[in-house]
Amino acid sequence: MTTDPRFPGDETEMMQAQAVKRLAADVDEVALSDGYGNHLRPGALPLLDALARSLVTAGFTIHDCAGRAPGGGVCLTPLTTQDGIVITWTQHDAAETELAWEASQEVQTTMNRDLACIAVVLGFEVEPFGSAGARRVTGLAGPQS
């Protein structure tokens, strides 16, 4: 653990432990299913959990896109006919109204691309998926040589 020079050692460790505990609670709130009643493919749950945990740690909110929840954030959709988790950005319901259609589309395109880059930085293998800018996370990246 790193120490924060603003706080003495014991207090810094306590704050870091609380942050890890909050992370676990935030990840536990993520719906770890495909959201449509379909069975997950073998091995999908550990990848989904690792991806959700990494994104929440990085500060993102996981959006329940299958539940049609309001708001926005990262949408994680486990694939049921092939391996991987589709990762996309979901904007707030008011995005088109508040931002105008063109800006809303540009935000969507930019965030989908940037989420793929962030997933790579976080140690995941990512590839294009479909024609709308989504990406598929296929696993953890192997060691770099």
Protein backbone atom coordinates (compact mmCIF):
# COMPACT_ATOMS: atom_id res chain seq x y z
CA MET A 1 0.00 0.00 0.00
CA THR A 2 1.09 3.55 -0.62
CA THR A 3 1.01 6.14 2.08
CA ASP A 4 -0.63 9.53 1.84
CA PRO A 5 1.64 12.25 3.26
CA ARG A 6 -1.45 14.13 4.51
CA PHE A 7 -2.25 11.41 7.04
CA PRO A 8 -0.18 9.46 9.56
CA GLY A 9 0.45 5.79 8.75
CA ASP A 10 -2.37 4.24 10.79
CA GLU A 11 -4.98 6.63 9.43
CA THR A 12 -3.82 6.11 5.84
CA GLU A 13 -4.03 2.34 6.20
CA MET A 14 -7.50 2.66 7.72
CA MET A 15 -8.67 4.85 4.83
CA GLN A 16 -7.25 2.42 2.28
CA ALA A 17 -8.94 -0.53 4.00
CA GLN A 18 -12.24 1.35 3.96
CA ALA A 19 -11.81 2.06 0.25
CA VAL A 20 -11.25 -1.64 -0.48
CA LYS A 21 -14.33 -2.52 1.57
CA ARG A 22 -16.41 0.03 -0.39
CA LEU A 23 -15.06 -1.44 -3.63
CA ALA A 24 -16.26 -4.90 -2.63
CA ALA A 25 -19.70 -3.49 -1.80
CA ASP A 26 -19.88 -1.58 -5.10
CA VAL A 27 -18.92 -4.66 -7.11
CA ASP A 28 -21.44 -6.80 -5.19
CA GLU A 29 -24.17 -4.45 -6.46
CA VAL A 30 -23.30 -5.23 -10.10
CA ALA A 31 -25.74 -7.64 -11.71
CA LEU A 32 -23.46 -10.54 -12.67
CA SER A 33 -25.69 -12.14 -15.30
CA ASP A 34 -26.55 -11.43 -18.89
CA GLY A 35 -29.68 -9.68 -17.67
CA TYR A 36 -32.00 -11.51 -20.06
CA GLY A 37 -32.34 -14.84 -18.26
CA ASN A 38 -29.78 -16.64 -20.42
CA HIS A 39 -27.23 -18.95 -18.84
CA LEU A 40 -23.68 -17.65 -18.75
CA ARG A 41 -21.02 -19.53 -20.67
CA PRO A 42 -18.50 -21.48 -18.58
CA GLY A 43 -15.77 -19.13 -17.38
CA ALA A 44 -17.82 -15.96 -17.97
CA LEU A 45 -18.48 -15.18 -14.31
CA PRO A 46 -14.83 -14.82 -13.21
CA LEU A 47 -14.10 -12.59 -16.22
CA LEU A 48 -17.21 -10.50 -15.60
CA ASP A 49 -16.34 -10.12 -11.93
CA ALA A 50 -12.71 -9.16 -12.69
CA LEU A 51 -13.76 -6.64 -15.35
CA ALA A 52 -16.45 -5.07 -13.14
CA ARG A 53 -14.04 -4.88 -10.19
CA SER A 54 -11.32 -3.23 -12.32
CA LEU A 55 -13.69 -0.68 -13.83
CA VAL A 56 -15.26 0.23 -10.48
CA THR A 57 -11.76 0.58 -9.02
CA ALA A 58 -10.93 2.98 -11.86
CA GLY A 59 -13.97 5.08 -10.93
CA PHE A 60 -16.61 3.93 -13.40
CA THR A 61 -20.22 3.11 -12.58
CA ILE A 62 -21.53 -0.17 -13.95
CA HIS A 63 -24.91 0.44 -15.60
CA ASP A 64 -27.66 -2.18 -15.54
CA CYS A 65 -28.51 -1.77 -19.22
CA ALA A 66 -30.59 -4.95 -19.38
CA GLY A 67 -32.72 -3.66 -16.51
CA ARG A 68 -33.26 -0.39 -18.34
CA ALA A 69 -32.05 1.54 -15.31
CA PRO A 70 -31.96 5.32 -15.61
CA GLY A 71 -28.65 7.08 -15.70
CA GLY A 72 -25.59 5.86 -17.52
CA GLY A 73 -22.23 4.21 -17.17
CA VAL A 74 -20.44 1.12 -18.40
CA CYS A 75 -22.65 -1.64 -19.75
CA LEU A 76 -21.21 -5.17 -19.42
CA THR A 77 -23.09 -7.82 -21.38
CA PRO A 78 -21.88 -11.43 -21.16
CA LEU A 79 -22.17 -13.20 -24.49
CA THR A 80 -24.14 -16.42 -24.49
CA THR A 81 -23.22 -17.79 -27.93
CA GLN A 82 -19.49 -17.07 -27.80
CA ASP A 83 -16.83 -16.26 -25.23
CA GLY A 84 -16.43 -12.78 -23.86
CA ILE A 85 -18.10 -9.77 -22.32
CA VAL A 86 -19.34 -6.91 -24.50
CA ILE A 87 -18.32 -3.55 -23.05
CA THR A 88 -20.13 -0.37 -24.11
CA TRP A 89 -20.87 3.07 -22.77
CA THR A 90 -24.44 4.01 -21.90
CA GLN A 91 -25.27 7.68 -21.64
CA HIS A 92 -27.74 9.28 -19.28
CA ASP A 93 -31.32 9.21 -20.57
CA ALA A 94 -31.23 12.99 -21.08
CA ALA A 95 -28.06 12.98 -23.21
CA GLU A 96 -29.74 13.52 -26.59
CA THR A 97 -31.96 16.27 -25.22
CA GLU A 98 -29.27 18.09 -23.28
CA LEU A 99 -26.33 17.57 -25.63
CA ALA A 100 -28.09 17.56 -29.00
CA TRP A 101 -28.04 14.48 -31.21
CA GLU A 102 -24.66 15.09 -32.88
CA ALA A 103 -22.81 15.69 -29.63
CA SER A 104 -24.56 12.70 -28.04
CA GLN A 105 -23.38 10.44 -30.85
CA GLU A 106 -19.82 11.77 -30.62
CA VAL A 107 -19.75 11.15 -26.86
CA GLN A 108 -21.02 7.60 -27.44
CA THR A 109 -18.38 6.86 -30.08
CA THR A 110 -15.59 8.40 -28.02
CA MET A 111 -16.51 6.61 -24.81
CA ASN A 112 -16.84 3.20 -26.50
CA ARG A 113 -13.36 3.63 -28.00
CA ASP A 114 -11.89 4.95 -24.75
CA LEU A 115 -13.43 2.14 -22.68
CA ALA A 116 -11.62 -0.34 -24.91
CA CYS A 117 -8.34 1.49 -24.27
CA ILE A 118 -9.00 1.59 -20.53
CA ALA A 119 -9.78 -2.14 -20.46
CA VAL A 120 -6.42 -2.79 -22.15
CA VAL A 121 -4.63 -0.58 -19.60
CA LEU A 122 -6.38 -2.54 -16.85
CA GLY A 123 -4.93 -5.77 -18.27
CA PHE A 124 -7.70 -7.22 -20.45
CA GLU A 125 -7.67 -8.50 -24.02
CA VAL A 126 -10.11 -6.50 -26.15
CA GLU A 127 -11.29 -6.81 -29.74
CA PRO A 128 -13.92 -5.08 -31.90
CA PHE A 129 -17.44 -6.48 -31.71
CA GLY A 130 -20.22 -5.78 -34.18
CA SER A 131 -20.57 -2.65 -36.26
CA ALA A 132 -21.79 -0.10 -33.69
CA GLY A 133 -18.50 0.51 -31.87
CA ALA A 134 -18.84 -2.05 -29.10
CA ARG A 135 -15.84 -4.08 -27.96
CA ARG A 136 -15.56 -7.63 -26.65
CA VAL A 137 -13.37 -8.43 -23.67
CA THR A 138 -12.09 -11.96 -24.14
CA GLY A 139 -9.89 -12.44 -21.09
CA LEU A 140 -6.95 -11.20 -19.14
CA ALA A 141 -3.93 -10.24 -21.18
CA GLY A 142 -0.94 -12.54 -20.92
CA PRO A 143 2.42 -11.41 -19.59
CA GLN A 144 4.16 -8.86 -21.77
CA SER A 145 7.59 -9.80 -23.06
